[in-house]
Amino acid sequence: MTLRKKIKTYNQRGGKNKKKQTKKKMKKINLKDHIVLKQVDVNLLYDITKKTIDILNNNNIEYWATDGTLLGIKRSKGFIPWDDDVDIAIDKKDKQNLHSLKDNFKHEGLDLVSVGKYMKVKHPKNKNVWIDIFILSNGVWPQDHYKDIAFKKDELYPLKKGKFGKLTMNIPHKSDKYLDRIFKDWRTVAYIYNHHTKGKKKISFKDYPTLKKPKLPT
């Protein structure tokens, strides 16, 4: 889930406007309006994720969870209910190796495709879910608008392990420190945003504690 730019824009509008917003009484929202994936899609996404990280591990490609997937792992040990994809990253030294594995993905019934400066893993018969594989250089995204959320060296390595449902995924060494720096209020606030719905909602976990529960496969 690409929250970064949206959150940055939101925070830049802070100041007096933010203070006024906190004084307003929160309107009741229907969380179901922001859940875009059916259970069958969630099941498939977990399956795609398992097959992807197995291929990467078996071919010595070091990856780690990032963005919404990292938030989900650290906050609830699973997939964020309103998310619609999985985000992982690799270092550019492994880029050519990854490109050479298209047949491995094909053997698992998946497509590995290039999209600009990153890659996607998709199921040919389902357009609702996918995995974004970002290609970084020493923790820095090649896209200019992502450079402000780069990993610092001590935040990224050595990688650790985190739970994503029943799966175990690599995560940055100091994930909490990184998230505190990039998302700041991630422990107390949910930014509900995905690729399928317009706009976003900023909701306190205090008001909607169920938002911390992960979406798990069945």
Protein backbone atom coordinates (compact mmCIF):
# COMPACT_ATOMS: atom_id res chain seq x y z
CA MET A 1 0.00 0.00 0.00
CA THR A 2 1.58 3.26 -1.12
CA LEU A 3 0.81 5.49 1.85
CA ARG A 4 3.94 7.59 1.77
CA LYS A 5 3.09 10.50 -0.50
CA LYS A 6 -0.45 10.76 0.82
CA ILE A 7 0.70 10.92 4.43
CA LYS A 8 3.41 13.45 3.64
CA THR A 9 0.88 15.74 1.97
CA TYR A 10 -1.52 15.35 4.87
CA ASN A 11 1.13 16.22 7.46
CA GLN A 12 2.32 19.25 5.48
CA ARG A 13 -1.16 20.71 5.82
CA GLY A 14 -0.90 20.55 9.61
CA GLY A 15 -0.64 23.61 11.83
CA LYS A 16 -3.86 25.44 12.57
CA ASN A 17 -5.95 23.32 10.24
CA LYS A 18 -4.91 20.16 12.07
CA LYS A 19 -5.88 21.70 15.41
CA LYS A 20 -9.30 22.62 14.07
CA GLN A 21 -9.79 19.10 12.76
CA THR A 22 -9.09 17.54 16.14
CA LYS A 23 -11.82 19.66 17.71
CA LYS A 24 -14.45 18.42 15.30
CA LYS A 25 -16.54 15.49 16.39
CA MET A 26 -15.61 12.41 14.42
CA LYS A 27 -18.29 11.22 12.06
CA LYS A 28 -19.18 7.58 12.26
CA ILE A 29 -17.83 5.71 9.26
CA ASN A 30 -18.67 2.37 7.74
CA LEU A 31 -15.39 0.49 7.64
CA LYS A 32 -16.81 -1.96 5.12
CA ASP A 33 -16.78 0.83 2.54
CA HIS A 34 -12.98 0.75 2.66
CA ILE A 35 -12.47 -3.02 2.54
CA VAL A 36 -11.86 -3.68 -1.15
CA LEU A 37 -10.72 -7.30 -1.19
CA LYS A 38 -12.92 -10.36 -0.89
CA GLN A 39 -11.72 -13.24 1.26
CA VAL A 40 -10.81 -15.22 -1.87
CA ASP A 41 -8.51 -12.34 -2.89
CA VAL A 42 -6.90 -12.23 0.54
CA ASN A 43 -6.30 -15.98 0.41
CA LEU A 44 -4.70 -15.62 -3.01
CA LEU A 45 -2.50 -12.72 -1.90
CA TYR A 46 -1.09 -14.73 1.01
CA ASP A 47 -0.46 -17.62 -1.40
CA ILE A 48 1.29 -15.34 -3.91
CA THR A 49 3.38 -13.88 -1.09
CA LYS A 50 4.48 -17.32 0.13
CA LYS A 51 5.47 -18.43 -3.37
CA THR A 52 7.32 -15.16 -4.00
CA ILE A 53 9.40 -15.17 -0.82
CA ASP A 54 10.15 -18.87 -1.30
CA ILE A 55 11.53 -18.14 -4.77
CA LEU A 56 13.58 -15.22 -3.48
CA ASN A 57 14.95 -17.20 -0.54
CA ASN A 58 15.80 -20.21 -2.73
CA ASN A 59 17.74 -17.96 -5.11
CA ASN A 60 19.60 -15.96 -2.43
CA ILE A 61 17.80 -12.70 -3.11
CA GLU A 62 17.59 -10.70 0.10
CA TYR A 63 14.22 -8.94 0.42
CA TRP A 64 12.35 -7.13 3.17
CA ALA A 65 8.78 -5.97 3.80
CA THR A 66 8.12 -2.26 3.42
CA ASP A 67 5.27 0.29 3.35
CA GLY A 68 1.82 -1.06 4.27
CA THR A 69 3.09 -4.61 4.57
CA LEU A 70 5.69 -3.59 7.14
CA LEU A 71 3.02 -1.62 9.02
CA GLY A 72 0.79 -4.69 9.03
CA ILE A 73 3.58 -6.93 10.34
CA LYS A 74 4.60 -4.56 13.13
CA ARG A 75 1.10 -3.48 14.13
CA SER A 76 -0.99 -6.63 13.83
CA LYS A 77 1.21 -9.47 12.47
CA GLY A 78 -0.78 -9.71 9.26
CA PHE A 79 -2.38 -8.04 6.27
CA ILE A 80 -3.94 -4.63 6.88
CA PRO A 81 -7.72 -5.11 6.30
CA TRP A 82 -8.13 -2.16 3.92
CA ASP A 83 -4.93 -2.77 1.96
CA ASP A 84 -4.90 -4.33 -1.51
CA ASP A 85 -1.32 -5.40 -2.21
CA VAL A 86 1.93 -6.56 -0.62
CA ASP A 87 5.04 -4.38 -0.68
CA ILE A 88 8.57 -5.75 -0.53
CA ALA A 89 11.95 -4.36 -1.55
CA ILE A 90 15.29 -5.71 -2.73
CA ASP A 91 18.66 -4.10 -3.36
CA LYS A 92 19.60 -3.25 -6.95
CA LYS A 93 22.53 -5.70 -6.82
CA ASP A 94 19.91 -8.46 -7.06
CA LYS A 95 17.95 -6.84 -9.89
CA GLN A 96 19.37 -8.95 -12.72
CA ASN A 97 19.01 -12.11 -10.69
CA LEU A 98 15.36 -11.29 -10.09
CA HIS A 99 14.77 -10.65 -13.80
CA SER A 100 16.20 -14.07 -14.58
CA LEU A 101 13.57 -15.79 -12.43
CA LYS A 102 10.53 -15.16 -14.61
CA ASP A 103 10.32 -18.85 -15.50
CA ASN A 104 10.42 -19.75 -11.81
CA PHE A 105 7.40 -17.55 -11.21
CA LYS A 106 5.71 -18.91 -14.33
CA HIS A 107 6.20 -22.43 -12.97
CA GLU A 108 4.21 -21.33 -9.89
CA GLY A 109 1.44 -19.92 -12.09
CA LEU A 110 2.51 -16.31 -11.56
CA ASP A 111 3.71 -13.47 -13.77
CA LEU A 112 6.78 -11.37 -12.89
CA VAL A 113 6.57 -8.12 -14.87
CA SER A 114 8.52 -4.87 -15.01
CA VAL A 115 6.63 -1.66 -14.23
CA GLY A 116 8.84 1.38 -14.62
CA LYS A 117 11.53 1.29 -11.92
CA TYR A 118 10.05 -1.61 -9.98
CA MET A 119 8.47 -5.02 -10.61
CA LYS A 120 5.18 -6.75 -9.89
CA VAL A 121 4.16 -10.31 -9.19
CA LYS A 122 0.62 -11.03 -10.40
CA HIS A 123 -1.73 -13.92 -10.94
CA PRO A 124 -2.81 -14.01 -14.60
CA LYS A 125 -6.46 -14.64 -13.68
CA ASN A 126 -6.84 -12.11 -10.87
CA LYS A 127 -6.40 -8.35 -11.30
CA ASN A 128 -7.37 -7.45 -7.74
CA VAL A 129 -4.14 -8.34 -5.95
CA TRP A 130 -0.42 -8.20 -6.63
CA ILE A 131 3.00 -7.79 -5.02
CA ASP A 132 5.10 -4.70 -5.65
CA ILE A 133 8.85 -5.36 -5.60
CA PHE A 134 10.73 -2.09 -5.19
CA ILE A 135 14.38 -1.97 -6.23
CA LEU A 136 16.47 0.20 -3.90
CA SER A 137 20.09 1.30 -3.82
CA ASN A 138 21.46 1.11 -0.27
CA GLY A 139 17.97 1.67 1.08
CA VAL A 140 17.12 4.54 -1.28
CA TRP A 141 14.30 4.46 -3.82
CA PRO A 142 15.25 5.53 -7.38
CA GLN A 143 12.08 7.61 -7.67
CA ASP A 144 12.71 11.21 -6.58
CA HIS A 145 9.36 11.51 -4.79
CA TYR A 146 10.29 8.54 -2.54
CA LYS A 147 13.75 9.68 -1.45
CA ASP A 148 12.47 11.31 1.73
CA ILE A 149 11.44 7.90 3.05
CA ALA A 150 14.76 6.17 2.42
CA PHE A 151 16.09 3.69 4.94
CA LYS A 152 19.14 4.67 6.93
CA LYS A 153 21.89 2.05 7.02
CA ASP A 154 21.47 1.21 10.71
CA GLU A 155 17.70 0.91 10.25
CA LEU A 156 17.86 -1.66 7.47
CA TYR A 157 20.61 -4.22 8.16
CA PRO A 158 20.95 -6.87 9.42
CA LEU A 159 17.43 -7.93 8.52
CA LYS A 160 15.16 -9.52 11.12
CA LYS A 161 12.03 -11.69 10.96
CA GLY A 162 8.39 -10.71 11.38
CA LYS A 163 5.06 -12.53 11.26
CA PHE A 164 2.68 -11.95 8.38
CA GLY A 165 -0.22 -14.23 9.15
CA LYS A 166 1.27 -17.74 9.14
CA LEU A 167 4.20 -16.55 7.04
CA THR A 168 7.57 -15.34 8.28
CA MET A 169 8.97 -12.39 6.33
CA ASN A 170 12.17 -10.36 6.43
CA ILE A 171 11.81 -6.91 7.94
CA PRO A 172 14.28 -4.04 8.54
CA HIS A 173 16.51 -4.39 11.59
CA LYS A 174 15.09 -1.29 13.29
CA SER A 175 11.58 -1.27 11.86
CA ASP A 176 10.08 0.63 14.80
CA LYS A 177 12.68 3.38 14.53
CA TYR A 178 12.09 3.65 10.78
CA LEU A 179 8.30 3.77 11.11
CA ASP A 180 8.53 6.34 13.92
CA ARG A 181 10.55 8.55 11.60
CA ILE A 182 8.48 8.06 8.44
CA PHE A 183 4.88 7.55 9.64
CA LYS A 184 5.22 9.07 13.14
CA ASP A 185 1.74 8.27 14.55
CA TRP A 186 1.50 4.77 13.07
CA ARG A 187 1.02 3.23 16.51
CA THR A 188 -2.18 5.18 17.25
CA VAL A 189 -3.63 6.17 13.88
CA ALA A 190 -4.74 4.29 10.78
CA TYR A 191 -4.45 5.96 7.39
CA ILE A 192 -7.07 4.14 5.35
CA TYR A 193 -6.04 4.33 1.72
CA ASN A 194 -5.67 1.90 -1.18
CA HIS A 195 -5.54 1.80 -4.97
CA HIS A 196 -9.28 1.21 -5.41
CA THR A 197 -10.93 3.95 -3.33
CA LYS A 198 -10.66 7.73 -3.63
CA GLY A 199 -9.19 9.83 -0.87
CA LYS A 200 -8.20 8.54 2.55
CA LYS A 201 -9.36 8.43 6.13
CA LYS A 202 -7.27 9.16 9.20
CA ILE A 203 -8.77 7.20 12.07
CA SER A 204 -7.66 6.71 15.65
CA PHE A 205 -7.31 3.13 16.86
CA LYS A 206 -8.80 4.36 20.12
CA ASP A 207 -12.09 5.01 18.31
CA TYR A 208 -11.88 1.93 16.07
CA PRO A 209 -9.78 -0.71 17.87
CA THR A 210 -10.87 -3.42 15.41
CA LEU A 211 -8.68 -1.77 12.77
CA LYS A 212 -5.67 -3.33 14.45
CA LYS A 213 -6.93 -6.83 13.71
CA PRO A 214 -5.24 -8.34 10.63
CA LYS A 215 -7.02 -9.86 7.66
CA LEU A 216 -5.96 -13.51 7.63
CA PRO A 217 -6.38 -16.34 5.10
CA THR A 218 -9.04 -18.97 5.66
